[in-house]
């Protein structure tokens, strides 16, 4: 399996071929099709990410020392954003997720090209993913 850094490089290479942000948004929409979808019964307030303008649901499951994420959103761009985060961080150990520096976000110009409310939502998504990792790490250390 590719490292977090290698997956980020793949994403950067995918996005640099597009010169304008409309093309990058379209690519983000295409990426949303690859999102591992959360079980429909989990699309409730317990799994919703606070701080997002759109509705984003995120679930994490811990198996064999790794966290696997599933998600969904009611907004197509947001769905593409969470799909990118999951692509980079799913199937990783809690410590890999906690320590990950998500440089691809700035390298592809994503943060700079989001509205302030979407940028806040992006930060909320990252925070929630890392909180799951911190919780699973703490749980494992108690064992």
C-alpha atoms as a PDB file:
ATOM      1  CA  UNK A   1       0.000   0.000   0.000  1.00  0.00           C
ATOM      2  CA  UNK A   2       1.212   3.496  -0.848  1.00  0.00           C
ATOM      3  CA  UNK A   3       2.316   5.768   1.984  1.00  0.00           C
ATOM      4  CA  UNK A   4       0.364   8.878   2.954  1.00  0.00           C
ATOM      5  CA  UNK A   5       3.035  10.964   1.236  1.00  0.00           C
ATOM      6  CA  UNK A   6       2.808   8.888  -1.971  1.00  0.00           C
ATOM      7  CA  UNK A   7      -0.983   9.224  -2.094  1.00  0.00           C
ATOM      8  CA  UNK A   8      -0.654  12.988  -1.617  1.00  0.00           C
ATOM      9  CA  UNK A   9       1.825  13.129  -4.514  1.00  0.00           C
ATOM     10  CA  UNK A  10      -0.640  11.190  -6.713  1.00  0.00           C
ATOM     11  CA  UNK A  11      -3.361  13.723  -5.893  1.00  0.00           C
ATOM     12  CA  UNK A  12      -1.070  16.683  -6.594  1.00  0.00           C
ATOM     13  CA  UNK A  13      -0.104  15.145  -9.942  1.00  0.00           C
ATOM     14  CA  UNK A  14      -3.774  14.618 -10.825  1.00  0.00           C
ATOM     15  CA  UNK A  15      -4.634  18.243 -10.123  1.00  0.00           C
ATOM     16  CA  UNK A  16      -1.630  20.010 -11.660  1.00  0.00           C
ATOM     17  CA  UNK A  17      -2.730  18.999 -15.164  1.00  0.00           C
ATOM     18  CA  UNK A  18      -5.715  21.353 -14.805  1.00  0.00           C
ATOM     19  CA  UNK A  19      -4.927  25.006 -15.416  1.00  0.00           C
ATOM     20  CA  UNK A  20      -8.159  26.515 -14.232  1.00  0.00           C
ATOM     21  CA  UNK A  21     -10.221  25.977 -11.139  1.00  0.00           C
ATOM     22  CA  UNK A  22     -13.395  25.059 -12.982  1.00  0.00           C
ATOM     23  CA  UNK A  23     -11.560  22.001 -14.329  1.00  0.00           C
ATOM     24  CA  UNK A  24     -10.241  21.236 -10.853  1.00  0.00           C
ATOM     25  CA  UNK A  25     -13.757  21.488  -9.399  1.00  0.00           C
ATOM     26  CA  UNK A  26     -14.973  19.116 -12.102  1.00  0.00           C
ATOM     27  CA  UNK A  27     -12.211  16.684 -11.157  1.00  0.00           C
ATOM     28  CA  UNK A  28     -13.240  17.017  -7.512  1.00  0.00           C
ATOM     29  CA  UNK A  29     -16.799  16.118  -8.526  1.00  0.00           C
ATOM     30  CA  UNK A  30     -15.502  13.049 -10.386  1.00  0.00           C
ATOM     31  CA  UNK A  31     -13.504  12.032  -7.302  1.00  0.00           C
ATOM     32  CA  UNK A  32     -16.708  12.131  -5.247  1.00  0.00           C
ATOM     33  CA  UNK A  33     -17.807   9.002  -7.146  1.00  0.00           C
ATOM     34  CA  UNK A  34     -14.944   7.104  -5.467  1.00  0.00           C
ATOM     35  CA  UNK A  35     -16.086   7.929  -1.938  1.00  0.00           C
ATOM     36  CA  UNK A  36     -16.644   4.834   0.232  1.00  0.00           C
ATOM     37  CA  UNK A  37     -20.210   5.611   1.281  1.00  0.00           C
ATOM     38  CA  UNK A  38     -21.340   5.534   4.881  1.00  0.00           C
ATOM     39  CA  UNK A  39     -24.138   3.106   5.705  1.00  0.00           C
ATOM     40  CA  UNK A  40     -27.449   4.948   5.219  1.00  0.00           C
ATOM     41  CA  UNK A  41     -28.585   4.183   8.775  1.00  0.00           C
ATOM     42  CA  UNK A  42     -25.567   6.139  10.061  1.00  0.00           C
ATOM     43  CA  UNK A  43     -26.618   9.328   8.283  1.00  0.00           C
ATOM     44  CA  UNK A  44     -27.810  10.919  11.497  1.00  0.00           C
ATOM     45  CA  UNK A  45     -26.690  13.605  13.947  1.00  0.00           C
ATOM     46  CA  UNK A  46     -24.297  11.252  15.741  1.00  0.00           C
ATOM     47  CA  UNK A  47     -22.089  11.010  12.624  1.00  0.00           C
ATOM     48  CA  UNK A  48     -22.489  14.514  11.245  1.00  0.00           C
ATOM     49  CA  UNK A  49     -19.424  16.770  11.190  1.00  0.00           C
ATOM     50  CA  UNK A  50     -20.095  20.032  13.000  1.00  0.00           C
ATOM     51  CA  UNK A  51     -18.768  23.186  11.367  1.00  0.00           C
ATOM     52  CA  UNK A  52     -19.568  22.264   7.774  1.00  0.00           C
ATOM     53  CA  UNK A  53     -21.987  24.388   5.771  1.00  0.00           C
ATOM     54  CA  UNK A  54     -23.119  21.240   3.963  1.00  0.00           C
ATOM     55  CA  UNK A  55     -24.103  18.049   5.695  1.00  0.00           C
ATOM     56  CA  UNK A  56     -21.177  15.644   5.981  1.00  0.00           C
ATOM     57  CA  UNK A  57     -21.441  12.312   7.755  1.00  0.00           C
ATOM     58  CA  UNK A  58     -18.289  10.421   8.726  1.00  0.00           C
ATOM     59  CA  UNK A  59     -17.833   6.991  10.269  1.00  0.00           C
ATOM     60  CA  UNK A  60     -14.637   5.269  11.363  1.00  0.00           C
ATOM     61  CA  UNK A  61     -14.160   1.571  12.023  1.00  0.00           C
ATOM     62  CA  UNK A  62     -11.068   0.110  13.670  1.00  0.00           C
ATOM     63  CA  UNK A  63      -9.855  -3.300  12.509  1.00  0.00           C
ATOM     64  CA  UNK A  64      -6.454  -4.942  12.684  1.00  0.00           C
ATOM     65  CA  UNK A  65      -4.798  -1.774  13.943  1.00  0.00           C
ATOM     66  CA  UNK A  66      -6.097   0.434  11.117  1.00  0.00           C
ATOM     67  CA  UNK A  67      -8.956   2.879  10.744  1.00  0.00           C
ATOM     68  CA  UNK A  68     -11.263   2.681   7.750  1.00  0.00           C
ATOM     69  CA  UNK A  69     -13.453   5.692   7.002  1.00  0.00           C
ATOM     70  CA  UNK A  70     -16.754   5.968   5.182  1.00  0.00           C
ATOM     71  CA  UNK A  71     -18.637   9.200   4.558  1.00  0.00           C
ATOM     72  CA  UNK A  72     -21.229  11.051   2.542  1.00  0.00           C
ATOM     73  CA  UNK A  73     -22.312  14.623   1.939  1.00  0.00           C
ATOM     74  CA  UNK A  74     -25.353  16.368   0.519  1.00  0.00           C
ATOM     75  CA  UNK A  75     -23.071  18.692  -1.507  1.00  0.00           C
ATOM     76  CA  UNK A  76     -21.087  17.368  -4.459  1.00  0.00           C
ATOM     77  CA  UNK A  77     -17.940  19.512  -3.976  1.00  0.00           C
ATOM     78  CA  UNK A  78     -17.857  18.677  -0.277  1.00  0.00           C
ATOM     79  CA  UNK A  79     -18.296  15.019  -1.145  1.00  0.00           C
ATOM     80  CA  UNK A  80     -15.203  15.276  -3.355  1.00  0.00           C
ATOM     81  CA  UNK A  81     -13.232  16.946  -0.561  1.00  0.00           C
ATOM     82  CA  UNK A  82     -14.061  14.259   2.003  1.00  0.00           C
ATOM     83  CA  UNK A  83     -13.313  11.614  -0.654  1.00  0.00           C
ATOM     84  CA  UNK A  84      -9.790  13.071  -1.007  1.00  0.00           C
ATOM     85  CA  UNK A  85      -9.238  13.049   2.748  1.00  0.00           C
ATOM     86  CA  UNK A  86     -10.418   9.458   3.005  1.00  0.00           C
ATOM     87  CA  UNK A  87      -8.241   8.455   0.069  1.00  0.00           C
ATOM     88  CA  UNK A  88      -5.193   9.773   1.931  1.00  0.00           C
ATOM     89  CA  UNK A  89      -6.066   8.696   5.488  1.00  0.00           C
ATOM     90  CA  UNK A  90      -8.235   5.565   5.353  1.00  0.00           C
ATOM     91  CA  UNK A  91      -6.669   2.178   6.139  1.00  0.00           C
ATOM     92  CA  UNK A  92      -3.962   3.806   8.258  1.00  0.00           C
ATOM     93  CA  UNK A  93      -2.925   3.368  11.866  1.00  0.00           C
ATOM     94  CA  UNK A  94      -4.129   5.973  14.352  1.00  0.00           C
ATOM     95  CA  UNK A  95      -0.572   7.345  14.692  1.00  0.00           C
ATOM     96  CA  UNK A  96      -0.155   7.671  10.918  1.00  0.00           C
ATOM     97  CA  UNK A  97      -3.350   9.746  10.817  1.00  0.00           C
ATOM     98  CA  UNK A  98      -2.443  11.830  13.864  1.00  0.00           C
ATOM     99  CA  UNK A  99       1.029  12.599  12.462  1.00  0.00           C
ATOM    100  CA  UNK A 100      -0.085  13.192   8.859  1.00  0.00           C
ATOM    101  CA  UNK A 101       0.655  16.602   7.419  1.00  0.00           C
ATOM    102  CA  UNK A 102      -1.924  17.137   4.712  1.00  0.00           C
ATOM    103  CA  UNK A 103       0.188  19.295   2.436  1.00  0.00           C
ATOM    104  CA  UNK A 104      -1.699  18.310  -0.731  1.00  0.00           C
ATOM    105  CA  UNK A 105      -4.533  20.652   0.292  1.00  0.00           C
ATOM    106  CA  UNK A 106      -2.362  23.727  -0.163  1.00  0.00           C
ATOM    107  CA  UNK A 107      -0.266  22.275  -2.988  1.00  0.00           C
ATOM    108  CA  UNK A 108      -3.324  21.813  -5.220  1.00  0.00           C
ATOM    109  CA  UNK A 109      -4.687  25.204  -4.163  1.00  0.00           C
ATOM    110  CA  UNK A 110      -7.788  23.743  -2.571  1.00  0.00           C
ATOM    111  CA  UNK A 111      -7.851  25.822   0.608  1.00  0.00           C
ATOM    112  CA  UNK A 112      -7.250  29.069  -1.321  1.00  0.00           C
ATOM    113  CA  UNK A 113     -10.065  28.328  -3.782  1.00  0.00           C
ATOM    114  CA  UNK A 114     -12.789  27.454  -1.312  1.00  0.00           C
ATOM    115  CA  UNK A 115     -15.294  29.900   0.085  1.00  0.00           C
ATOM    116  CA  UNK A 116     -14.614  30.766   3.738  1.00  0.00           C
ATOM    117  CA  UNK A 117     -17.461  28.515   4.887  1.00  0.00           C
ATOM    118  CA  UNK A 118     -16.184  25.575   2.808  1.00  0.00           C
ATOM    119  CA  UNK A 119     -12.627  26.188   4.083  1.00  0.00           C
ATOM    120  CA  UNK A 120     -13.980  26.039   7.647  1.00  0.00           C
ATOM    121  CA  UNK A 121     -15.782  22.830   6.715  1.00  0.00           C
ATOM    122  CA  UNK A 122     -12.525  21.367   5.395  1.00  0.00           C
ATOM    123  CA  UNK A 123     -10.834  22.122   8.724  1.00  0.00           C
ATOM    124  CA  UNK A 124     -13.758  20.515  10.553  1.00  0.00           C
ATOM    125  CA  UNK A 125     -13.437  17.370   8.406  1.00  0.00           C
ATOM    126  CA  UNK A 126      -9.695  17.115   9.105  1.00  0.00           C
ATOM    127  CA  UNK A 127     -10.300  17.694  12.815  1.00  0.00           C
ATOM    128  CA  UNK A 128     -12.954  14.958  12.976  1.00  0.00           C
ATOM    129  CA  UNK A 129     -10.763  12.418  11.152  1.00  0.00           C
ATOM    130  CA  UNK A 130      -7.893  13.162  13.553  1.00  0.00           C
ATOM    131  CA  UNK A 131     -10.216  12.985  16.589  1.00  0.00           C
ATOM    132  CA  UNK A 132     -11.269   9.480  15.561  1.00  0.00           C
ATOM    133  CA  UNK A 133      -7.579   8.538  15.311  1.00  0.00           C
ATOM    134  CA  UNK A 134      -6.809  10.032  18.736  1.00  0.00           C
ATOM    135  CA  UNK A 135      -9.764   8.162  20.287  1.00  0.00           C
ATOM    136  CA  UNK A 136      -8.763   4.808  18.774  1.00  0.00           C
ATOM    137  CA  UNK A 137      -5.132   5.372  19.763  1.00  0.00           C
ATOM    138  CA  UNK A 138      -6.139   6.097  23.361  1.00  0.00           C
ATOM    139  CA  UNK A 139      -8.408   3.045  23.434  1.00  0.00           C
ATOM    140  CA  UNK A 140      -5.622   0.796  22.168  1.00  0.00           C
ATOM    141  CA  UNK A 141      -3.162   2.113  24.747  1.00  0.00           C
ATOM    142  CA  UNK A 142      -5.606   1.231  27.534  1.00  0.00           C
ATOM    143  CA  UNK A 143      -5.641  -2.430  26.496  1.00  0.00           C
END
